[in-house]
Amino acid sequence: MAQGMSTRQLIQRLLLLVLVMFGFGFALVPIYEVMCQAFGINGKTAGAYQGEQTVDEARQVRVQFLATNAADMVWEFQPLADEVAVHPGAVSEMRFVAFNPTDKPMTAQAIPSVAPSKAAAFFHKTECFCFTQQVLQPGERIEMPVRFIVDRDLPADVRHLTLAYTLFDITARKPPVPVAGR
């Protein structure tokens, strides 16, 4: 035991340490948000499109698409095209393809990110496979759409956006499906 410290003092300090660690756990999410914003990483897309539905035909923005798998995900996952040119204000669509090469049903969740981060607030998804979990049977292949609008208010210096998805295997986290007759 530390010199001059009673058992009671040691227990108090350990309990204080546990409380500080618990509080830090709750603070991680807001800290993460601030760090992402400060360093321009993990740009989250904006919510529903609230702007005027007019198209800026005089301007084009390149939207690049990336698809990656998390470390434990074995699906094949990619966009049908690497990029598209869009007019701000226009509804655009890209389809991503997923294939389950295993011999078991699997459930996945896609997490999106937009770069540069200052453009994320101007990228609006109106339909996306990332809104729901995707369940694929063994050998099943699907095309999953993402419909989006690049806001007309996108800063003029932004001419290129990247929409990236990371696909996670969440099969183990999904509750088991009830079997009929039980």
N, C-alpha and C. Protein backbone atom coordinates (compact mmCIF):
# COMPACT_ATOMS: atom_id res chain seq x y z
N MET A 1 0.84 -1.17 0.00
CA MET A 1 0.00 0.00 0.00
C MET A 1 0.89 1.24 0.00
N ALA A 2 0.41 2.33 -0.57
CA ALA A 2 1.19 3.57 -0.64
C ALA A 2 1.52 4.05 0.76
N GLN A 3 2.68 4.65 0.86
CA GLN A 3 3.14 5.12 2.15
C GLN A 3 2.20 6.21 2.68
N GLY A 4 1.70 6.04 3.88
CA GLY A 4 0.84 7.03 4.52
C GLY A 4 -0.60 7.04 4.03
N MET A 5 -1.01 6.09 3.17
CA MET A 5 -2.38 6.08 2.64
C MET A 5 -3.14 4.94 3.30
N SER A 6 -4.31 5.26 3.83
CA SER A 6 -5.12 4.24 4.46
C SER A 6 -5.92 3.49 3.38
N THR A 7 -6.47 2.37 3.76
CA THR A 7 -7.30 1.59 2.85
C THR A 7 -8.50 2.41 2.41
N ARG A 8 -9.06 3.17 3.31
CA ARG A 8 -10.22 4.00 3.00
C ARG A 8 -9.87 5.05 1.93
N GLN A 9 -8.71 5.70 2.06
CA GLN A 9 -8.28 6.70 1.10
C GLN A 9 -8.05 6.06 -0.27
N LEU A 10 -7.46 4.87 -0.27
CA LEU A 10 -7.22 4.15 -1.53
C LEU A 10 -8.54 3.84 -2.22
N ILE A 11 -9.51 3.37 -1.48
CA ILE A 11 -10.82 3.04 -2.06
C ILE A 11 -11.49 4.30 -2.60
N GLN A 12 -11.40 5.42 -1.86
CA GLN A 12 -11.98 6.67 -2.34
C GLN A 12 -11.34 7.12 -3.64
N ARG A 13 -10.03 7.02 -3.72
CA ARG A 13 -9.33 7.44 -4.95
C ARG A 13 -9.67 6.52 -6.12
N LEU A 14 -9.79 5.24 -5.86
CA LEU A 14 -10.16 4.31 -6.93
C LEU A 14 -11.59 4.56 -7.41
N LEU A 15 -12.50 4.85 -6.47
CA LEU A 15 -13.88 5.17 -6.86
C LEU A 15 -13.93 6.46 -7.66
N LEU A 16 -13.14 7.45 -7.27
CA LEU A 16 -13.07 8.69 -8.02
C LEU A 16 -12.55 8.43 -9.43
N LEU A 17 -11.55 7.59 -9.54
CA LEU A 17 -11.00 7.23 -10.85
C LEU A 17 -12.06 6.56 -11.73
N VAL A 18 -12.84 5.67 -11.14
CA VAL A 18 -13.91 5.00 -11.88
C VAL A 18 -14.94 6.02 -12.36
N LEU A 19 -15.32 6.96 -11.52
CA LEU A 19 -16.29 7.99 -11.91
C LEU A 19 -15.74 8.87 -13.03
N VAL A 20 -14.47 9.24 -12.95
CA VAL A 20 -13.85 10.05 -14.00
C VAL A 20 -13.83 9.28 -15.31
N MET A 21 -13.48 8.00 -15.25
CA MET A 21 -13.46 7.18 -16.47
C MET A 21 -14.87 7.05 -17.05
N PHE A 22 -15.87 6.87 -16.22
CA PHE A 22 -17.26 6.78 -16.68
C PHE A 22 -17.68 8.08 -17.36
N GLY A 23 -17.37 9.21 -16.75
CA GLY A 23 -17.69 10.51 -17.33
C GLY A 23 -16.97 10.73 -18.66
N PHE A 24 -15.73 10.30 -18.74
CA PHE A 24 -14.97 10.43 -19.98
C PHE A 24 -15.62 9.62 -21.10
N GLY A 25 -16.16 8.46 -20.75
CA GLY A 25 -16.86 7.64 -21.75
C GLY A 25 -18.03 8.38 -22.37
N PHE A 26 -18.79 9.10 -21.56
CA PHE A 26 -19.90 9.89 -22.07
C PHE A 26 -19.42 11.09 -22.89
N ALA A 27 -18.27 11.63 -22.54
CA ALA A 27 -17.74 12.80 -23.23
C ALA A 27 -17.10 12.45 -24.57
N LEU A 28 -16.84 11.18 -24.83
CA LEU A 28 -16.15 10.79 -26.06
C LEU A 28 -16.91 11.19 -27.32
N VAL A 29 -18.22 11.02 -27.35
CA VAL A 29 -18.98 11.34 -28.56
C VAL A 29 -18.88 12.82 -28.90
N PRO A 30 -19.15 13.75 -27.97
CA PRO A 30 -18.99 15.16 -28.34
C PRO A 30 -17.55 15.53 -28.66
N ILE A 31 -16.60 14.93 -27.97
CA ILE A 31 -15.18 15.20 -28.28
C ILE A 31 -14.87 14.74 -29.69
N TYR A 32 -15.37 13.56 -30.06
CA TYR A 32 -15.16 13.03 -31.41
C TYR A 32 -15.74 13.98 -32.45
N GLU A 33 -16.95 14.47 -32.21
CA GLU A 33 -17.60 15.40 -33.15
C GLU A 33 -16.76 16.66 -33.33
N VAL A 34 -16.27 17.22 -32.23
CA VAL A 34 -15.47 18.44 -32.30
C VAL A 34 -14.16 18.18 -33.05
N MET A 35 -13.52 17.06 -32.77
CA MET A 35 -12.26 16.73 -33.44
C MET A 35 -12.47 16.52 -34.94
N CYS A 36 -13.54 15.84 -35.31
CA CYS A 36 -13.82 15.62 -36.74
C CYS A 36 -14.04 16.95 -37.45
N GLN A 37 -14.77 17.84 -36.81
CA GLN A 37 -15.03 19.14 -37.42
C GLN A 37 -13.74 19.96 -37.50
N ALA A 38 -12.94 19.92 -36.44
CA ALA A 38 -11.71 20.72 -36.41
C ALA A 38 -10.69 20.25 -37.44
N PHE A 39 -10.59 18.93 -37.63
CA PHE A 39 -9.59 18.39 -38.54
C PHE A 39 -10.15 18.01 -39.90
N GLY A 40 -11.45 18.22 -40.12
CA GLY A 40 -12.04 17.97 -41.43
C GLY A 40 -12.12 16.51 -41.81
N ILE A 41 -12.40 15.65 -40.83
CA ILE A 41 -12.50 14.22 -41.12
C ILE A 41 -13.92 13.73 -40.83
N ASN A 42 -14.27 12.60 -41.44
CA ASN A 42 -15.54 11.93 -41.22
C ASN A 42 -16.74 12.85 -41.41
N GLY A 43 -16.78 13.52 -42.56
CA GLY A 43 -17.89 14.42 -42.84
C GLY A 43 -19.20 13.68 -42.92
N LYS A 44 -20.13 14.04 -42.08
CA LYS A 44 -21.46 13.42 -42.10
C LYS A 44 -22.34 14.19 -43.07
N THR A 45 -23.19 13.47 -43.75
CA THR A 45 -24.07 14.13 -44.71
C THR A 45 -25.14 14.92 -43.99
N ALA A 46 -25.69 15.89 -44.70
CA ALA A 46 -26.74 16.73 -44.14
C ALA A 46 -28.05 15.95 -44.09
N GLY A 47 -29.02 16.52 -43.43
CA GLY A 47 -30.34 15.89 -43.33
C GLY A 47 -31.14 16.08 -44.60
N ALA A 48 -32.44 16.03 -44.46
CA ALA A 48 -33.34 16.16 -45.61
C ALA A 48 -33.12 17.50 -46.31
N TYR A 49 -33.31 17.50 -47.61
CA TYR A 49 -33.11 18.71 -48.41
C TYR A 49 -34.25 19.68 -48.17
N GLN A 50 -33.92 20.88 -47.71
CA GLN A 50 -34.93 21.89 -47.39
C GLN A 50 -34.96 23.01 -48.41
N GLY A 51 -34.01 23.01 -49.32
CA GLY A 51 -33.87 24.12 -50.26
C GLY A 51 -34.87 24.08 -51.39
N GLU A 52 -34.77 25.10 -52.20
CA GLU A 52 -35.61 25.23 -53.38
C GLU A 52 -35.18 24.16 -54.39
N GLN A 53 -36.13 23.53 -55.03
CA GLN A 53 -35.83 22.44 -55.95
C GLN A 53 -35.56 22.99 -57.36
N THR A 54 -34.63 23.92 -57.47
CA THR A 54 -34.22 24.42 -58.77
C THR A 54 -32.80 23.97 -59.04
N VAL A 55 -32.51 23.73 -60.30
CA VAL A 55 -31.21 23.18 -60.70
C VAL A 55 -30.33 24.30 -61.23
N ASP A 56 -29.08 24.30 -60.80
CA ASP A 56 -28.09 25.26 -61.28
C ASP A 56 -27.39 24.63 -62.49
N GLU A 57 -27.95 24.86 -63.69
CA GLU A 57 -27.42 24.27 -64.91
C GLU A 57 -26.04 24.83 -65.30
N ALA A 58 -25.68 25.98 -64.75
CA ALA A 58 -24.42 26.63 -65.10
C ALA A 58 -23.23 26.04 -64.35
N ARG A 59 -23.50 25.19 -63.39
CA ARG A 59 -22.41 24.66 -62.54
C ARG A 59 -22.44 23.14 -62.51
N GLN A 60 -21.27 22.54 -62.51
CA GLN A 60 -21.16 21.09 -62.36
C GLN A 60 -20.22 20.77 -61.21
N VAL A 61 -20.57 19.72 -60.48
CA VAL A 61 -19.75 19.24 -59.37
C VAL A 61 -19.51 17.76 -59.62
N ARG A 62 -18.26 17.33 -59.45
CA ARG A 62 -17.94 15.90 -59.56
C ARG A 62 -18.19 15.24 -58.21
N VAL A 63 -18.91 14.13 -58.23
CA VAL A 63 -19.13 13.36 -57.01
C VAL A 63 -18.47 12.00 -57.23
N GLN A 64 -17.46 11.72 -56.41
CA GLN A 64 -16.73 10.46 -56.48
C GLN A 64 -17.32 9.50 -55.44
N PHE A 65 -17.33 8.21 -55.75
CA PHE A 65 -17.89 7.20 -54.86
C PHE A 65 -16.82 6.19 -54.48
N LEU A 66 -16.74 5.92 -53.18
CA LEU A 66 -15.80 4.93 -52.66
C LEU A 66 -16.56 3.92 -51.81
N ALA A 67 -16.14 2.68 -51.87
CA ALA A 67 -16.76 1.63 -51.07
C ALA A 67 -15.64 0.78 -50.47
N THR A 68 -15.66 0.66 -49.14
CA THR A 68 -14.67 -0.17 -48.47
C THR A 68 -15.37 -1.08 -47.47
N ASN A 69 -14.72 -2.16 -47.15
CA ASN A 69 -15.24 -3.09 -46.17
C ASN A 69 -14.48 -2.92 -44.86
N ALA A 70 -15.20 -3.02 -43.75
CA ALA A 70 -14.54 -3.06 -42.44
C ALA A 70 -13.73 -4.37 -42.39
N ALA A 71 -12.84 -4.45 -41.44
CA ALA A 71 -11.89 -5.56 -41.35
C ALA A 71 -12.54 -6.95 -41.40
N ASP A 72 -13.69 -7.12 -40.77
CA ASP A 72 -14.31 -8.45 -40.70
C ASP A 72 -15.37 -8.70 -41.77
N MET A 73 -15.54 -7.78 -42.70
CA MET A 73 -16.58 -7.92 -43.73
C MET A 73 -16.01 -8.59 -44.98
N VAL A 74 -16.69 -9.64 -45.44
CA VAL A 74 -16.19 -10.41 -46.59
C VAL A 74 -16.97 -10.16 -47.88
N TRP A 75 -18.02 -9.36 -47.82
CA TRP A 75 -18.81 -9.10 -49.02
C TRP A 75 -17.99 -8.37 -50.07
N GLU A 76 -18.38 -8.58 -51.33
CA GLU A 76 -17.89 -7.73 -52.40
C GLU A 76 -18.81 -6.51 -52.40
N PHE A 77 -18.23 -5.32 -52.50
CA PHE A 77 -19.02 -4.09 -52.34
C PHE A 77 -18.37 -2.99 -53.16
N GLN A 78 -19.12 -2.44 -54.13
CA GLN A 78 -18.58 -1.37 -54.96
C GLN A 78 -19.69 -0.58 -55.64
N PRO A 79 -19.38 0.68 -56.04
CA PRO A 79 -20.35 1.46 -56.80
C PRO A 79 -20.34 1.01 -58.26
N LEU A 80 -21.42 1.27 -58.99
CA LEU A 80 -21.45 0.92 -60.41
C LEU A 80 -20.56 1.84 -61.24
N ALA A 81 -20.26 3.03 -60.74
CA ALA A 81 -19.35 3.96 -61.41
C ALA A 81 -18.50 4.64 -60.35
N ASP A 82 -17.30 5.06 -60.73
CA ASP A 82 -16.41 5.72 -59.78
C ASP A 82 -16.84 7.14 -59.46
N GLU A 83 -17.45 7.83 -60.44
CA GLU A 83 -17.88 9.20 -60.21
C GLU A 83 -18.92 9.62 -61.22
N VAL A 84 -19.64 10.69 -60.89
CA VAL A 84 -20.60 11.30 -61.79
C VAL A 84 -20.46 12.82 -61.69
N ALA A 85 -20.85 13.50 -62.74
CA ALA A 85 -20.91 14.96 -62.72
C ALA A 85 -22.37 15.34 -62.52
N VAL A 86 -22.65 16.20 -61.55
CA VAL A 86 -24.02 16.59 -61.24
C VAL A 86 -24.14 18.11 -61.24
N HIS A 87 -25.36 18.57 -61.46
CA HIS A 87 -25.68 19.98 -61.33
C HIS A 87 -26.28 20.19 -59.94
N PRO A 88 -25.77 21.16 -59.18
CA PRO A 88 -26.37 21.43 -57.87
C PRO A 88 -27.87 21.68 -57.99
N GLY A 89 -28.60 21.08 -57.06
CA GLY A 89 -30.06 21.20 -57.05
C GLY A 89 -30.77 20.05 -57.74
N ALA A 90 -30.05 19.30 -58.57
CA ALA A 90 -30.66 18.18 -59.29
C ALA A 90 -30.63 16.91 -58.44
N VAL A 91 -31.66 16.11 -58.58
CA VAL A 91 -31.68 14.80 -57.92
C VAL A 91 -30.83 13.86 -58.75
N SER A 92 -29.87 13.21 -58.11
CA SER A 92 -28.96 12.28 -58.80
C SER A 92 -29.02 10.93 -58.10
N GLU A 93 -28.54 9.92 -58.80
CA GLU A 93 -28.57 8.57 -58.23
C GLU A 93 -27.32 7.81 -58.60
N MET A 94 -26.88 6.97 -57.66
CA MET A 94 -25.81 6.00 -57.90
C MET A 94 -26.25 4.70 -57.26
N ARG A 95 -25.87 3.61 -57.88
CA ARG A 95 -26.18 2.30 -57.32
C ARG A 95 -24.89 1.62 -56.89
N PHE A 96 -24.97 0.98 -55.74
CA PHE A 96 -23.85 0.19 -55.22
C PHE A 96 -24.26 -1.28 -55.29
N VAL A 97 -23.29 -2.13 -55.54
CA VAL A 97 -23.55 -3.57 -55.65
C VAL A 97 -22.89 -4.26 -54.46
N ALA A 98 -23.66 -5.17 -53.85
CA ALA A 98 -23.14 -5.98 -52.76
C ALA A 98 -23.39 -7.45 -53.10
N PHE A 99 -22.42 -8.29 -52.75
CA PHE A 99 -22.51 -9.73 -53.01
C PHE A 99 -22.00 -10.47 -51.78
N ASN A 100 -22.81 -11.43 -51.31
CA ASN A 100 -22.43 -12.26 -50.17
C ASN A 100 -21.85 -13.57 -50.69
N PRO A 101 -20.53 -13.74 -50.67
CA PRO A 101 -19.92 -14.95 -51.21
C PRO A 101 -19.89 -16.13 -50.24
N THR A 102 -20.42 -15.94 -49.02
CA THR A 102 -20.35 -16.99 -48.02
C THR A 102 -21.49 -17.99 -48.17
N ASP A 103 -21.46 -18.99 -47.32
CA ASP A 103 -22.52 -20.00 -47.33
C ASP A 103 -23.52 -19.78 -46.19
N LYS A 104 -23.57 -18.55 -45.67
CA LYS A 104 -24.51 -18.24 -44.58
C LYS A 104 -25.12 -16.87 -44.79
N PRO A 105 -26.35 -16.66 -44.28
CA PRO A 105 -26.95 -15.32 -44.37
C PRO A 105 -26.12 -14.34 -43.53
N MET A 106 -26.01 -13.13 -44.02
CA MET A 106 -25.26 -12.10 -43.30
C MET A 106 -26.04 -10.79 -43.31
N THR A 107 -25.82 -9.98 -42.28
CA THR A 107 -26.43 -8.66 -42.17
C THR A 107 -25.33 -7.61 -42.14
N ALA A 108 -25.54 -6.54 -42.91
CA ALA A 108 -24.54 -5.48 -42.99
C ALA A 108 -25.17 -4.12 -42.76
N GLN A 109 -24.34 -3.17 -42.37
CA GLN A 109 -24.74 -1.78 -42.22
C GLN A 109 -23.66 -0.92 -42.85
N ALA A 110 -24.07 0.00 -43.72
CA ALA A 110 -23.13 0.92 -44.37
C ALA A 110 -23.13 2.25 -43.63
N ILE A 111 -21.94 2.77 -43.40
CA ILE A 111 -21.78 4.06 -42.73
C ILE A 111 -21.17 5.03 -43.74
N PRO A 112 -21.86 6.15 -44.01
CA PRO A 112 -21.37 7.10 -45.01
C PRO A 112 -20.46 8.18 -44.42
N SER A 113 -19.70 8.78 -45.31
CA SER A 113 -18.85 9.91 -44.97
C SER A 113 -18.68 10.75 -46.22
N VAL A 114 -18.64 12.09 -46.05
CA VAL A 114 -18.46 12.99 -47.18
C VAL A 114 -17.21 13.82 -46.97
N ALA A 115 -16.43 13.97 -48.02
CA ALA A 115 -15.24 14.83 -47.98
C ALA A 115 -15.31 15.77 -49.18
N PRO A 116 -14.84 16.97 -49.07
CA PRO A 116 -14.30 17.60 -47.87
C PRO A 116 -15.40 17.85 -46.85
N SER A 117 -15.02 17.91 -45.59
CA SER A 117 -16.02 18.00 -44.52
C SER A 117 -16.87 19.25 -44.63
N LYS A 118 -16.31 20.35 -45.18
CA LYS A 118 -17.11 21.57 -45.29
C LYS A 118 -18.24 21.42 -46.30
N ALA A 119 -18.16 20.41 -47.16
CA ALA A 119 -19.21 20.16 -48.14
C ALA A 119 -20.29 19.22 -47.62
N ALA A 120 -20.03 18.54 -46.51
CA ALA A 120 -20.98 17.54 -46.00
C ALA A 120 -22.35 18.14 -45.70
N ALA A 121 -22.39 19.36 -45.23
CA ALA A 121 -23.67 20.00 -44.90
C ALA A 121 -24.49 20.32 -46.15
N PHE A 122 -23.88 20.22 -47.33
CA PHE A 122 -24.54 20.55 -48.58
C PHE A 122 -24.85 19.30 -49.41
N PHE A 123 -24.64 18.13 -48.82
CA PHE A 123 -24.91 16.86 -49.50
C PHE A 123 -26.10 16.20 -48.81
N HIS A 124 -27.21 16.05 -49.54
CA HIS A 124 -28.45 15.54 -48.96
C HIS A 124 -28.84 14.22 -49.63
N LYS A 125 -28.95 13.16 -48.82
CA LYS A 125 -29.42 11.87 -49.33
C LYS A 125 -30.93 11.82 -49.15
N THR A 126 -31.66 11.55 -50.23
CA THR A 126 -33.11 11.42 -50.14
C THR A 126 -33.53 9.95 -50.03
N GLU A 127 -32.67 9.07 -50.48
CA GLU A 127 -32.88 7.62 -50.35
C GLU A 127 -31.50 7.00 -50.26
N CYS A 128 -31.34 6.04 -49.34
CA CYS A 128 -30.01 5.43 -49.21
C CYS A 128 -30.12 4.06 -48.55
N PHE A 129 -29.34 3.14 -49.06
CA PHE A 129 -29.25 1.80 -48.47
C PHE A 129 -28.63 1.87 -47.06
N CYS A 130 -27.97 2.97 -46.77
CA CYS A 130 -27.35 3.13 -45.44
C CYS A 130 -28.38 3.43 -44.36
N PHE A 131 -29.60 3.75 -44.74
CA PHE A 131 -30.65 4.03 -43.76
C PHE A 131 -31.14 2.76 -43.07
N THR A 132 -30.91 1.62 -43.69
CA THR A 132 -31.38 0.34 -43.13
C THR A 132 -30.28 -0.71 -43.20
N GLN A 133 -30.47 -1.76 -42.43
CA GLN A 133 -29.55 -2.89 -42.48
C GLN A 133 -29.86 -3.73 -43.73
N GLN A 134 -28.81 -4.28 -44.31
CA GLN A 134 -28.97 -5.10 -45.51
C GLN A 134 -28.72 -6.56 -45.14
N VAL A 135 -29.67 -7.43 -45.48
CA VAL A 135 -29.53 -8.86 -45.22
C VAL A 135 -29.40 -9.56 -46.56
N LEU A 136 -28.31 -10.30 -46.72
CA LEU A 136 -28.10 -11.06 -47.95
C LEU A 136 -27.97 -12.54 -47.62
N GLN A 137 -28.65 -13.35 -48.42
CA GLN A 137 -28.56 -14.79 -48.29
C GLN A 137 -27.26 -15.27 -48.94
N PRO A 138 -26.86 -16.51 -48.70
CA PRO A 138 -25.63 -17.02 -49.31
C PRO A 138 -25.68 -16.88 -50.84
N GLY A 139 -24.65 -16.32 -51.42
CA GLY A 139 -24.57 -16.16 -52.87
C GLY A 139 -25.46 -15.08 -53.45
N GLU A 140 -26.16 -14.32 -52.62
CA GLU A 140 -27.07 -13.29 -53.12
C GLU A 140 -26.31 -12.02 -53.49
N ARG A 141 -26.77 -11.37 -54.56
CA ARG A 141 -26.20 -10.11 -55.06
C ARG A 141 -27.35 -9.12 -55.18
N ILE A 142 -27.14 -7.88 -54.72
CA ILE A 142 -28.18 -6.86 -54.85
C ILE A 142 -27.56 -5.55 -55.31
N GLU A 143 -28.40 -4.73 -55.94
CA GLU A 143 -28.03 -3.36 -56.25
C GLU A 143 -28.79 -2.47 -55.28
N MET A 144 -28.05 -1.55 -54.67
CA MET A 144 -28.62 -0.68 -53.65
C MET A 144 -28.46 0.78 -54.09
N PRO A 145 -29.58 1.51 -54.19
CA PRO A 145 -29.50 2.90 -54.66
C PRO A 145 -29.20 3.90 -53.55
N VAL A 146 -28.56 4.97 -53.96
CA VAL A 146 -28.46 6.17 -53.12
C VAL A 146 -28.87 7.33 -54.03
N ARG A 147 -29.93 8.03 -53.61
CA ARG A 147 -30.39 9.23 -54.33
C ARG A 147 -29.98 10.43 -53.51
N PHE A 148 -29.46 11.44 -54.18
CA PHE A 148 -28.92 12.57 -53.44
C PHE A 148 -29.07 13.88 -54.21
N ILE A 149 -28.93 14.95 -53.48
CA ILE A 149 -28.96 16.30 -54.05
C ILE A 149 -27.76 17.04 -53.48
N VAL A 150 -26.96 17.61 -54.37
CA VAL A 150 -25.91 18.52 -53.94
C VAL A 150 -26.56 19.90 -53.89
N ASP A 151 -26.55 20.49 -52.73
CA ASP A 151 -27.23 21.77 -52.49
C ASP A 151 -26.67 22.87 -53.38
N ARG A 152 -27.57 23.71 -53.87
CA ARG A 152 -27.17 24.86 -54.69
C ARG A 152 -26.27 25.82 -53.92
N ASP A 153 -26.34 25.80 -52.59
CA ASP A 153 -25.54 26.69 -51.76
C ASP A 153 -24.15 26.15 -51.45
N LEU A 154 -23.77 25.04 -52.08
CA LEU A 154 -22.42 24.50 -51.91
C LEU A 154 -21.41 25.60 -52.23
N PRO A 155 -20.42 25.83 -51.36
CA PRO A 155 -19.44 26.88 -51.65
C PRO A 155 -18.83 26.72 -53.05
N ALA A 156 -18.64 27.85 -53.72
CA ALA A 156 -18.18 27.86 -55.12
C ALA A 156 -16.82 27.21 -55.29
N ASP A 157 -15.97 27.22 -54.26
CA ASP A 157 -14.64 26.64 -54.40
C ASP A 157 -14.66 25.11 -54.32
N VAL A 158 -15.80 24.52 -53.96
CA VAL A 158 -15.90 23.06 -53.90
C VAL A 158 -16.42 22.56 -55.24
N ARG A 159 -15.56 21.89 -55.97
CA ARG A 159 -15.92 21.37 -57.29
C ARG A 159 -15.92 19.84 -57.33
N HIS A 160 -15.49 19.24 -56.22
CA HIS A 160 -15.36 17.79 -56.16
C HIS A 160 -15.72 17.31 -54.75
N LEU A 161 -16.64 16.35 -54.68
CA LEU A 161 -17.04 15.73 -53.41
C LEU A 161 -16.73 14.25 -53.47
N THR A 162 -16.52 13.65 -52.33
CA THR A 162 -16.36 12.20 -52.26
C THR A 162 -17.37 11.66 -51.26
N LEU A 163 -18.21 10.73 -51.72
CA LEU A 163 -19.13 10.01 -50.85
C LEU A 163 -18.54 8.63 -50.65
N ALA A 164 -18.14 8.35 -49.42
CA ALA A 164 -17.51 7.07 -49.11
C ALA A 164 -18.39 6.28 -48.15
N TYR A 165 -18.47 4.98 -48.37
CA TYR A 165 -19.19 4.10 -47.47
C TYR A 165 -18.23 3.04 -46.94
N THR A 166 -18.38 2.74 -45.67
CA THR A 166 -17.70 1.59 -45.08
C THR A 166 -18.78 0.60 -44.69
N LEU A 167 -18.62 -0.64 -45.12
CA LEU A 167 -19.62 -1.68 -44.88
C LEU A 167 -19.17 -2.55 -43.70
N PHE A 168 -20.05 -2.68 -42.71
CA PHE A 168 -19.74 -3.44 -41.50
C PHE A 168 -20.60 -4.69 -41.43
N ASP A 169 -19.99 -5.80 -40.99
CA ASP A 169 -20.73 -7.03 -40.73
C ASP A 169 -21.34 -6.91 -39.34
N ILE A 170 -22.67 -6.87 -39.28
CA ILE A 170 -23.35 -6.77 -37.98
C ILE A 170 -24.20 -8.01 -37.72
N THR A 171 -23.89 -9.10 -38.39
CA THR A 171 -24.65 -10.34 -38.25
C THR A 171 -24.76 -10.76 -36.79
N ALA A 172 -23.66 -10.72 -36.06
CA ALA A 172 -23.66 -11.17 -34.67
C ALA A 172 -24.46 -10.25 -33.76
N ARG A 173 -24.62 -8.98 -34.16
CA ARG A 173 -25.35 -8.02 -33.32
C ARG A 173 -26.84 -8.05 -33.57
N LYS A 174 -27.24 -8.61 -34.68
CA LYS A 174 -28.67 -8.63 -35.02
C LYS A 174 -29.37 -9.69 -34.17
N PRO A 175 -30.53 -9.36 -33.57
CA PRO A 175 -31.24 -10.37 -32.78
C PRO A 175 -31.69 -11.53 -33.67
N PRO A 176 -31.71 -12.73 -33.12
CA PRO A 176 -32.12 -13.88 -33.92
C PRO A 176 -33.57 -13.75 -34.38
N VAL A 177 -33.81 -14.24 -35.59
CA VAL A 177 -35.16 -14.21 -36.15
C VAL A 177 -35.96 -15.34 -35.52
N PRO A 178 -37.17 -15.04 -35.00
CA PRO A 178 -37.98 -16.11 -34.38
C PRO A 178 -38.38 -17.16 -35.42
N VAL A 179 -38.36 -18.40 -35.00
CA VAL A 179 -38.74 -19.50 -35.86
C VAL A 179 -40.24 -19.75 -35.68
N ALA A 180 -40.97 -19.88 -36.81
CA ALA A 180 -42.42 -20.11 -36.76
C ALA A 180 -42.74 -21.41 -36.02
N GLY A 181 -43.78 -21.40 -35.23
CA GLY A 181 -44.21 -22.60 -34.55
C GLY A 181 -43.57 -22.78 -33.17
N ARG A 182 -42.74 -21.85 -32.74
CA ARG A 182 -42.10 -21.96 -31.42
C ARG A 182 -42.76 -21.08 -30.43
